[in-house]
């Protein structure tokens, strides 16, 4: 069975002016790293885009478990609020 990583197209608030959305970019199976392109929006306009690297070790081998998408959202949010990438990987941003 093929797994599909969740997308986060609905804006998630950072503060009163800013929000983020995220699109799955890639999965590095060898290192168990998941990459998302995060877009920061301010007043309805895109103001930044960057890659977020996640390590879903909390999921073990069961990525179909209830709550997986929400845990990923929380991990993305922790980086998105900083407004900058947590990796040197640039993926499809180039």
PDB file of N, CA and C in Angstrom:
ATOM      1  N   UNK A   1       0.841  -1.185   0.000  1.00  0.00           N
ATOM      2  CA  UNK A   1       0.000   0.000   0.000  1.00  0.00           C
ATOM      3  C   UNK A   1       0.880   1.240   0.000  1.00  0.00           C
ATOM      4  N   UNK A   2       0.595   2.160  -0.877  1.00  0.00           N
ATOM      5  CA  UNK A   2       1.361   3.389  -0.988  1.00  0.00           C
ATOM      6  C   UNK A   2       0.826   4.437  -0.015  1.00  0.00           C
ATOM      7  N   UNK A   3       1.739   5.137   0.618  1.00  0.00           N
ATOM      8  CA  UNK A   3       1.370   6.176   1.579  1.00  0.00           C
ATOM      9  C   UNK A   3       1.419   7.535   0.894  1.00  0.00           C
ATOM     10  N   UNK A   4       0.438   8.376   1.171  1.00  0.00           N
ATOM     11  CA  UNK A   4       0.411   9.735   0.645  1.00  0.00           C
ATOM     12  C   UNK A   4       0.568  10.712   1.803  1.00  0.00           C
ATOM     13  N   UNK A   5       1.599  11.525   1.740  1.00  0.00           N
ATOM     14  CA  UNK A   5       1.811  12.516   2.796  1.00  0.00           C
ATOM     15  C   UNK A   5       0.736  13.591   2.716  1.00  0.00           C
ATOM     16  N   UNK A   6       0.289  14.066   3.866  1.00  0.00           N
ATOM     17  CA  UNK A   6      -0.755  15.096   3.866  1.00  0.00           C
ATOM     18  C   UNK A   6      -0.246  16.427   3.335  1.00  0.00           C
ATOM     19  N   UNK A   7      -1.157  17.195   2.796  1.00  0.00           N
ATOM     20  CA  UNK A   7      -0.898  18.564   2.348  1.00  0.00           C
ATOM     21  C   UNK A   7      -1.599  19.498   3.339  1.00  0.00           C
ATOM     22  N   UNK A   8      -1.150  20.718   3.430  1.00  0.00           N
ATOM     23  CA  UNK A   8      -1.751  21.691   4.338  1.00  0.00           C
ATOM     24  C   UNK A   8      -2.055  22.981   3.561  1.00  0.00           C
ATOM     25  N   UNK A   9      -3.092  22.933   2.714  1.00  0.00           N
ATOM     26  CA  UNK A   9      -3.397  24.084   1.854  1.00  0.00           C
ATOM     27  C   UNK A   9      -4.165  25.208   2.564  1.00  0.00           C
ATOM     28  N   UNK A  10      -4.795  24.891   3.689  1.00  0.00           N
ATOM     29  CA  UNK A  10      -5.546  25.913   4.413  1.00  0.00           C
ATOM     30  C   UNK A  10      -4.598  26.695   5.311  1.00  0.00           C
ATOM     31  N   UNK A  11      -4.667  28.023   5.296  1.00  0.00           N
ATOM     32  CA  UNK A  11      -3.756  28.829   6.119  1.00  0.00           C
ATOM     33  C   UNK A  11      -3.880  28.507   7.610  1.00  0.00           C
ATOM     34  N   UNK A  12      -2.725  28.291   8.228  1.00  0.00           N
ATOM     35  CA  UNK A  12      -2.643  28.072   9.665  1.00  0.00           C
ATOM     36  C   UNK A  12      -2.078  29.346  10.285  1.00  0.00           C
ATOM     37  N   UNK A  13      -2.805  29.974  11.192  1.00  0.00           N
ATOM     38  CA  UNK A  13      -2.354  31.245  11.758  1.00  0.00           C
ATOM     39  C   UNK A  13      -1.041  31.126  12.536  1.00  0.00           C
ATOM     40  N   UNK A  14      -0.196  32.129  12.333  1.00  0.00           N
ATOM     41  CA  UNK A  14       1.018  32.300  13.129  1.00  0.00           C
ATOM     42  C   UNK A  14       0.751  33.384  14.166  1.00  0.00           C
ATOM     43  N   UNK A  15       0.178  34.477  13.700  1.00  0.00           N
ATOM     44  CA  UNK A  15      -0.229  35.588  14.563  1.00  0.00           C
ATOM     45  C   UNK A  15      -1.372  36.311  13.852  1.00  0.00           C
ATOM     46  N   UNK A  16      -1.683  37.516  14.279  1.00  0.00           N
ATOM     47  CA  UNK A  16      -2.833  38.237  13.706  1.00  0.00           C
ATOM     48  C   UNK A  16      -2.642  38.581  12.232  1.00  0.00           C
ATOM     49  N   UNK A  17      -1.412  38.693  11.769  1.00  0.00           N
ATOM     50  CA  UNK A  17      -1.143  39.102  10.391  1.00  0.00           C
ATOM     51  C   UNK A  17      -0.647  37.975   9.488  1.00  0.00           C
ATOM     52  N   UNK A  18       0.016  36.986  10.066  1.00  0.00           N
ATOM     53  CA  UNK A  18       0.686  35.971   9.261  1.00  0.00           C
ATOM     54  C   UNK A  18       0.066  34.587   9.432  1.00  0.00           C
ATOM     55  N   UNK A  19       0.222  33.776   8.379  1.00  0.00           N
ATOM     56  CA  UNK A  19      -0.200  32.377   8.399  1.00  0.00           C
ATOM     57  C   UNK A  19       0.745  31.580   7.510  1.00  0.00           C
ATOM     58  N   UNK A  20       0.624  30.271   7.564  1.00  0.00           N
ATOM     59  CA  UNK A  20       1.438  29.424   6.701  1.00  0.00           C
ATOM     60  C   UNK A  20       0.578  28.351   6.039  1.00  0.00           C
ATOM     61  N   UNK A  21       1.069  27.876   4.894  1.00  0.00           N
ATOM     62  CA  UNK A  21       0.546  26.694   4.218  1.00  0.00           C
ATOM     63  C   UNK A  21       1.760  25.812   3.906  1.00  0.00           C
ATOM     64  N   UNK A  22       1.520  24.535   3.653  1.00  0.00           N
ATOM     65  CA  UNK A  22       2.649  23.642   3.379  1.00  0.00           C
ATOM     66  C   UNK A  22       2.253  22.583   2.363  1.00  0.00           C
ATOM     67  N   UNK A  23       3.207  22.277   1.496  1.00  0.00           N
ATOM     68  CA  UNK A  23       3.043  21.267   0.462  1.00  0.00           C
ATOM     69  C   UNK A  23       4.154  20.244   0.614  1.00  0.00           C
ATOM     70  N   UNK A  24       3.788  18.981   0.583  1.00  0.00           N
ATOM     71  CA  UNK A  24       4.793  17.920   0.655  1.00  0.00           C
ATOM     72  C   UNK A  24       5.768  18.077  -0.498  1.00  0.00           C
ATOM     73  N   UNK A  25       7.058  17.994  -0.187  1.00  0.00           N
ATOM     74  CA  UNK A  25       8.096  18.133  -1.205  1.00  0.00           C
ATOM     75  C   UNK A  25       8.737  16.787  -1.514  1.00  0.00           C
ATOM     76  N   UNK A  26       9.229  16.085  -0.479  1.00  0.00           N
ATOM     77  CA  UNK A  26       9.853  14.786  -0.720  1.00  0.00           C
ATOM     78  C   UNK A  26      10.086  14.045   0.594  1.00  0.00           C
ATOM     79  N   UNK A  27      10.410  12.768   0.435  1.00  0.00           N
ATOM     80  CA  UNK A  27      10.721  11.919   1.578  1.00  0.00           C
ATOM     81  C   UNK A  27      12.033  11.221   1.307  1.00  0.00           C
ATOM     82  N   UNK A  28      12.976  11.351   2.218  1.00  0.00           N
ATOM     83  CA  UNK A  28      14.273  10.688   2.131  1.00  0.00           C
ATOM     84  C   UNK A  28      14.198   9.437   3.001  1.00  0.00           C
ATOM     85  N   UNK A  29      13.903   8.316   2.371  1.00  0.00           N
ATOM     86  CA  UNK A  29      13.685   7.074   3.103  1.00  0.00           C
ATOM     87  C   UNK A  29      14.934   6.619   3.838  1.00  0.00           C
ATOM     88  N   UNK A  30      16.083   6.829   3.260  1.00  0.00           N
ATOM     89  CA  UNK A  30      17.332   6.389   3.889  1.00  0.00           C
ATOM     90  C   UNK A  30      17.546   7.052   5.245  1.00  0.00           C
ATOM     91  N   UNK A  31      17.238   8.364   5.321  1.00  0.00           N
ATOM     92  CA  UNK A  31      17.434   9.111   6.566  1.00  0.00           C
ATOM     93  C   UNK A  31      16.142   9.327   7.343  1.00  0.00           C
ATOM     94  N   UNK A  32      15.032   8.899   6.777  1.00  0.00           N
ATOM     95  CA  UNK A  32      13.716   9.061   7.396  1.00  0.00           C
ATOM     96  C   UNK A  32      13.364  10.541   7.584  1.00  0.00           C
ATOM     97  N   UNK A  33      13.756  11.360   6.622  1.00  0.00           N
ATOM     98  CA  UNK A  33      13.471  12.796   6.654  1.00  0.00           C
ATOM     99  C   UNK A  33      12.315  13.108   5.714  1.00  0.00           C
ATOM    100  N   UNK A  34      11.429  13.972   6.163  1.00  0.00           N
ATOM    101  CA  UNK A  34      10.300  14.428   5.367  1.00  0.00           C
ATOM    102  C   UNK A  34      10.500  15.920   5.123  1.00  0.00           C
ATOM    103  N   UNK A  35      10.274  16.350   3.881  1.00  0.00           N
ATOM    104  CA  UNK A  35      10.477  17.752   3.524  1.00  0.00           C
ATOM    105  C   UNK A  35       9.174  18.357   3.010  1.00  0.00           C
ATOM    106  N   UNK A  36       8.889  19.546   3.491  1.00  0.00           N
ATOM    107  CA  UNK A  36       7.730  20.318   3.052  1.00  0.00           C
ATOM    108  C   UNK A  36       8.190  21.693   2.601  1.00  0.00           C
ATOM    109  N   UNK A  37       7.512  22.225   1.573  1.00  0.00           N
ATOM    110  CA  UNK A  37       7.697  23.625   1.191  1.00  0.00           C
ATOM    111  C   UNK A  37       6.653  24.412   1.970  1.00  0.00           C
ATOM    112  N   UNK A  38       7.126  25.327   2.798  1.00  0.00           N
ATOM    113  CA  UNK A  38       6.241  26.160   3.603  1.00  0.00           C
ATOM    114  C   UNK A  38       6.175  27.540   2.974  1.00  0.00           C
ATOM    115  N   UNK A  39       4.970  28.050   2.858  1.00  0.00           N
ATOM    116  CA  UNK A  39       4.750  29.404   2.338  1.00  0.00           C
ATOM    117  C   UNK A  39       4.171  30.244   3.465  1.00  0.00           C
ATOM    118  N   UNK A  40       4.806  31.364   3.712  1.00  0.00           N
ATOM    119  CA  UNK A  40       4.315  32.310   4.719  1.00  0.00           C
ATOM    120  C   UNK A  40       3.491  33.371   3.991  1.00  0.00           C
ATOM    121  N   UNK A  41       2.312  33.629   4.531  1.00  0.00           N
ATOM    122  CA  UNK A  41       1.404  34.627   3.971  1.00  0.00           C
ATOM    123  C   UNK A  41       1.231  35.748   4.996  1.00  0.00           C
ATOM    124  N   UNK A  42       1.199  36.968   4.501  1.00  0.00           N
ATOM    125  CA  UNK A  42       0.939  38.118   5.356  1.00  0.00           C
ATOM    126  C   UNK A  42      -0.074  39.003   4.659  1.00  0.00           C
ATOM    127  N   UNK A  43      -1.163  39.268   5.342  1.00  0.00           N
ATOM    128  CA  UNK A  43      -2.247  40.072   4.779  1.00  0.00           C
ATOM    129  C   UNK A  43      -2.692  39.506   3.424  1.00  0.00           C
ATOM    130  N   UNK A  44      -2.723  38.177   3.314  1.00  0.00           N
ATOM    131  CA  UNK A  44      -3.198  37.534   2.097  1.00  0.00           C
ATOM    132  C   UNK A  44      -2.188  37.420   0.977  1.00  0.00           C
ATOM    133  N   UNK A  45      -0.951  37.877   1.199  1.00  0.00           N
ATOM    134  CA  UNK A  45       0.095  37.809   0.165  1.00  0.00           C
ATOM    135  C   UNK A  45       1.215  36.879   0.594  1.00  0.00           C
ATOM    136  N   UNK A  46       1.797  36.184  -0.379  1.00  0.00           N
ATOM    137  CA  UNK A  46       2.956  35.340  -0.099  1.00  0.00           C
ATOM    138  C   UNK A  46       4.161  36.233   0.183  1.00  0.00           C
ATOM    139  N   UNK A  47       4.814  36.022   1.333  1.00  0.00           N
ATOM    140  CA  UNK A  47       5.970  36.842   1.675  1.00  0.00           C
ATOM    141  C   UNK A  47       7.254  36.028   1.821  1.00  0.00           C
ATOM    142  N   UNK A  48       7.135  34.698   1.921  1.00  0.00           N
ATOM    143  CA  UNK A  48       8.333  33.864   2.037  1.00  0.00           C
ATOM    144  C   UNK A  48       7.984  32.421   1.708  1.00  0.00           C
ATOM    145  N   UNK A  49       8.994  31.706   1.186  1.00  0.00           N
ATOM    146  CA  UNK A  49       8.878  30.264   0.937  1.00  0.00           C
ATOM    147  C   UNK A  49      10.191  29.625   1.345  1.00  0.00           C
ATOM    148  N   UNK A  50      10.105  28.495   2.030  1.00  0.00           N
ATOM    149  CA  UNK A  50      11.306  27.785   2.449  1.00  0.00           C
ATOM    150  C   UNK A  50      10.977  26.326   2.729  1.00  0.00           C
ATOM    151  N   UNK A  51      12.022  25.524   2.820  1.00  0.00           N
ATOM    152  CA  UNK A  51      11.890  24.098   3.086  1.00  0.00           C
ATOM    153  C   UNK A  51      11.939  23.854   4.593  1.00  0.00           C
ATOM    154  N   UNK A  52      11.084  22.944   5.051  1.00  0.00           N
ATOM    155  CA  UNK A  52      11.112  22.478   6.438  1.00  0.00           C
ATOM    156  C   UNK A  52      11.427  20.990   6.417  1.00  0.00           C
ATOM    157  N   UNK A  53      12.383  20.613   7.222  1.00  0.00           N
ATOM    158  CA  UNK A  53      12.771  19.207   7.354  1.00  0.00           C
ATOM    159  C   UNK A  53      12.181  18.665   8.647  1.00  0.00           C
ATOM    160  N   UNK A  54      11.518  17.516   8.552  1.00  0.00           N
ATOM    161  CA  UNK A  54      10.895  16.890   9.714  1.00  0.00           C
ATOM    162  C   UNK A  54      11.455  15.490   9.902  1.00  0.00           C
ATOM    163  N   UNK A  55      11.491  15.044  11.146  1.00  0.00           N
ATOM    164  CA  UNK A  55      11.913  13.700  11.498  1.00  0.00           C
ATOM    165  C   UNK A  55      10.788  13.061  12.295  1.00  0.00           C
ATOM    166  N   UNK A  56       9.875  12.373  11.637  1.00  0.00           N
ATOM    167  CA  UNK A  56       8.702  11.835  12.342  1.00  0.00           C
ATOM    168  C   UNK A  56       8.994  10.552  13.126  1.00  0.00           C
ATOM    169  N   UNK A  57      10.039  10.577  13.952  1.00  0.00           N
ATOM    170  CA  UNK A  57      10.386   9.399  14.738  1.00  0.00           C
ATOM    171  C   UNK A  57       9.286   9.027  15.720  1.00  0.00           C
ATOM    172  N   UNK A  58       8.468   9.973  16.113  1.00  0.00           N
ATOM    173  CA  UNK A  58       7.358   9.723  17.023  1.00  0.00           C
ATOM    174  C   UNK A  58       6.313   8.787  16.408  1.00  0.00           C
ATOM    175  N   UNK A  59       6.318   8.655  15.084  1.00  0.00           N
ATOM    176  CA  UNK A  59       5.321   7.808  14.417  1.00  0.00           C
ATOM    177  C   UNK A  59       5.751   6.345  14.313  1.00  0.00           C
ATOM    178  N   UNK A  60       7.031   6.075  14.590  1.00  0.00           N
ATOM    179  CA  UNK A  60       7.575   4.729  14.395  1.00  0.00           C
ATOM    180  C   UNK A  60       7.303   4.284  12.960  1.00  0.00           C
ATOM    181  N   UNK A  61       6.772   3.107  12.757  1.00  0.00           N
ATOM    182  CA  UNK A  61       6.522   2.596  11.406  1.00  0.00           C
ATOM    183  C   UNK A  61       5.079   2.754  10.957  1.00  0.00           C
ATOM    184  N   UNK A  62       4.216   3.271  11.809  1.00  0.00           N
ATOM    185  CA  UNK A  62       2.798   3.355  11.477  1.00  0.00           C
ATOM    186  C   UNK A  62       2.395   4.789  11.159  1.00  0.00           C
ATOM    187  N   UNK A  63       2.517   5.160   9.894  1.00  0.00           N
ATOM    188  CA  UNK A  63       2.185   6.527   9.475  1.00  0.00           C
ATOM    189  C   UNK A  63       0.707   6.657   9.138  1.00  0.00           C
ATOM    190  N   UNK A  64      -0.019   5.565   9.246  1.00  0.00           N
ATOM    191  CA  UNK A  64      -1.455   5.616   8.970  1.00  0.00           C
ATOM    192  C   UNK A  64      -2.264   5.809  10.251  1.00  0.00           C
ATOM    193  N   UNK A  65      -1.583   5.897  11.377  1.00  0.00           N
ATOM    194  CA  UNK A  65      -2.272   6.034  12.664  1.00  0.00           C
ATOM    195  C   UNK A  65      -3.032   7.362  12.737  1.00  0.00           C
ATOM    196  N   UNK A  66      -4.154   7.357  13.437  1.00  0.00           N
ATOM    197  CA  UNK A  66      -4.886   8.607  13.636  1.00  0.00           C
ATOM    198  C   UNK A  66      -3.971   9.624  14.317  1.00  0.00           C
ATOM    199  N   UNK A  67      -4.053  10.844  13.882  1.00  0.00           N
ATOM    200  CA  UNK A  67      -3.238  11.891  14.478  1.00  0.00           C
ATOM    201  C   UNK A  67      -1.930  12.159  13.763  1.00  0.00           C
ATOM    202  N   UNK A  68      -1.522  11.290  12.821  1.00  0.00           N
ATOM    203  CA  UNK A  68      -0.256  11.490  12.124  1.00  0.00           C
ATOM    204  C   UNK A  68      -0.212  12.854  11.442  1.00  0.00           C
ATOM    205  N   UNK A  69      -1.252  13.206  10.703  1.00  0.00           N
ATOM    206  CA  UNK A  69      -1.282  14.485   9.979  1.00  0.00           C
ATOM    207  C   UNK A  69      -1.229  15.670  10.945  1.00  0.00           C
ATOM    208  N   UNK A  70      -1.875  15.547  12.094  1.00  0.00           N
ATOM    209  CA  UNK A  70      -1.867  16.627  13.073  1.00  0.00           C
ATOM    210  C   UNK A  70      -0.494  16.775  13.727  1.00  0.00           C
ATOM    211  N   UNK A  71       0.170  15.664  14.012  1.00  0.00           N
ATOM    212  CA  UNK A  71       1.534  15.748  14.562  1.00  0.00           C
ATOM    213  C   UNK A  71       2.474  16.409  13.562  1.00  0.00           C
ATOM    214  N   UNK A  72       2.336  16.049  12.273  1.00  0.00           N
ATOM    215  CA  UNK A  72       3.155  16.707  11.252  1.00  0.00           C
ATOM    216  C   UNK A  72       2.857  18.204  11.216  1.00  0.00           C
ATOM    217  N   UNK A  73       1.588  18.561  11.291  1.00  0.00           N
ATOM    218  CA  UNK A  73       1.196  19.979  11.292  1.00  0.00           C
ATOM    219  C   UNK A  73       1.878  20.718  12.452  1.00  0.00           C
ATOM    220  N   UNK A  74       1.881  20.107  13.614  1.00  0.00           N
ATOM    221  CA  UNK A  74       2.507  20.729  14.786  1.00  0.00           C
ATOM    222  C   UNK A  74       4.003  20.904  14.579  1.00  0.00           C
ATOM    223  N   UNK A  75       4.647  19.887  14.000  1.00  0.00           N
ATOM    224  CA  UNK A  75       6.085  19.982  13.736  1.00  0.00           C
ATOM    225  C   UNK A  75       6.385  21.064  12.700  1.00  0.00           C
ATOM    226  N   UNK A  76       5.575  21.143  11.654  1.00  0.00           N
ATOM    227  CA  UNK A  76       5.756  22.192  10.649  1.00  0.00           C
ATOM    228  C   UNK A  76       5.552  23.559  11.294  1.00  0.00           C
ATOM    229  N   UNK A  77       4.538  23.681  12.117  1.00  0.00           N
ATOM    230  CA  UNK A  77       4.222  24.961  12.760  1.00  0.00           C
ATOM    231  C   UNK A  77       5.398  25.473  13.596  1.00  0.00           C
ATOM    232  N   UNK A  78       6.064  24.591  14.319  1.00  0.00           N
ATOM    233  CA  UNK A  78       7.205  24.986  15.149  1.00  0.00           C
ATOM    234  C   UNK A  78       8.283  25.674  14.328  1.00  0.00           C
ATOM    235  N   UNK A  79       8.485  25.215  13.110  1.00  0.00           N
ATOM    236  CA  UNK A  79       9.499  25.828  12.240  1.00  0.00           C
ATOM    237  C   UNK A  79       8.911  27.034  11.513  1.00  0.00           C
ATOM    238  N   UNK A  80       7.682  26.926  11.052  1.00  0.00           N
ATOM    239  CA  UNK A  80       7.063  28.016  10.288  1.00  0.00           C
ATOM    240  C   UNK A  80       7.029  29.323  11.068  1.00  0.00           C
ATOM    241  N   UNK A  81       6.781  29.253  12.371  1.00  0.00           N
ATOM    242  CA  UNK A  81       6.705  30.486  13.167  1.00  0.00           C
ATOM    243  C   UNK A  81       8.043  31.212  13.235  1.00  0.00           C
ATOM    244  N   UNK A  82       9.143  30.506  12.963  1.00  0.00           N
ATOM    245  CA  UNK A  82      10.461  31.157  12.959  1.00  0.00           C
ATOM    246  C   UNK A  82      10.670  31.966  11.687  1.00  0.00           C
ATOM    247  N   UNK A  83       9.940  31.602  10.628  1.00  0.00           N
ATOM    248  CA  UNK A  83      10.066  32.300   9.356  1.00  0.00           C
ATOM    249  C   UNK A  83      11.282  31.916   8.545  1.00  0.00           C
ATOM    250  N   UNK A  84      11.958  30.825   8.938  1.00  0.00           N
ATOM    251  CA  UNK A  84      13.138  30.407   8.173  1.00  0.00           C
ATOM    252  C   UNK A  84      13.283  28.896   8.186  1.00  0.00           C
ATOM    253  N   UNK A  85      14.014  28.399   7.231  1.00  0.00           N
ATOM    254  CA  UNK A  85      14.223  26.971   7.064  1.00  0.00           C
ATOM    255  C   UNK A  85      15.047  26.404   8.220  1.00  0.00           C
ATOM    256  N   UNK A  86      14.883  25.115   8.449  1.00  0.00           N
ATOM    257  CA  UNK A  86      15.697  24.416   9.433  1.00  0.00           C
ATOM    258  C   UNK A  86      16.640  23.411   8.776  1.00  0.00           C
ATOM    259  N   UNK A  87      16.907  23.619   7.485  1.00  0.00           N
ATOM    260  CA  UNK A  87      17.774  22.715   6.731  1.00  0.00           C
ATOM    261  C   UNK A  87      18.480  23.481   5.620  1.00  0.00           C
ATOM    262  N   UNK A  88      19.597  22.924   5.167  1.00  0.00           N
ATOM    263  CA  UNK A  88      20.283  23.515   4.016  1.00  0.00           C
ATOM    264  C   UNK A  88      19.742  22.961   2.701  1.00  0.00           C
ATOM    265  N   UNK A  89      18.920  21.928   2.776  1.00  0.00           N
ATOM    266  CA  UNK A  89      18.302  21.331   1.599  1.00  0.00           C
ATOM    267  C   UNK A  89      17.350  22.353   0.945  1.00  0.00           C
ATOM    268  N   UNK A  90      17.497  22.539  -0.367  1.00  0.00           N
ATOM    269  CA  UNK A  90      16.634  23.512  -1.042  1.00  0.00           C
ATOM    270  C   UNK A  90      15.647  22.870  -2.009  1.00  0.00           C
ATOM    271  N   UNK A  91      15.797  21.579  -2.269  1.00  0.00           N
ATOM    272  CA  UNK A  91      14.808  20.840  -3.048  1.00  0.00           C
ATOM    273  C   UNK A  91      14.290  21.562  -4.269  1.00  0.00           C
ATOM    274  N   UNK A  92      12.964  21.608  -4.383  1.00  0.00           N
ATOM    275  CA  UNK A  92      12.313  22.185  -5.553  1.00  0.00           C
ATOM    276  C   UNK A  92      12.147  23.695  -5.466  1.00  0.00           C
ATOM    277  N   UNK A  93      12.792  24.335  -4.505  1.00  0.00           N
ATOM    278  CA  UNK A  93      12.725  25.801  -4.439  1.00  0.00           C
ATOM    279  C   UNK A  93      13.576  26.438  -5.534  1.00  0.00           C
ATOM    280  N   UNK A  94      14.523  25.676  -6.053  1.00  0.00           N
ATOM    281  CA  UNK A  94      15.441  26.212  -7.068  1.00  0.00           C
ATOM    282  C   UNK A  94      14.758  26.271  -8.404  1.00  0.00           C
TER     283      UNK A  94
END
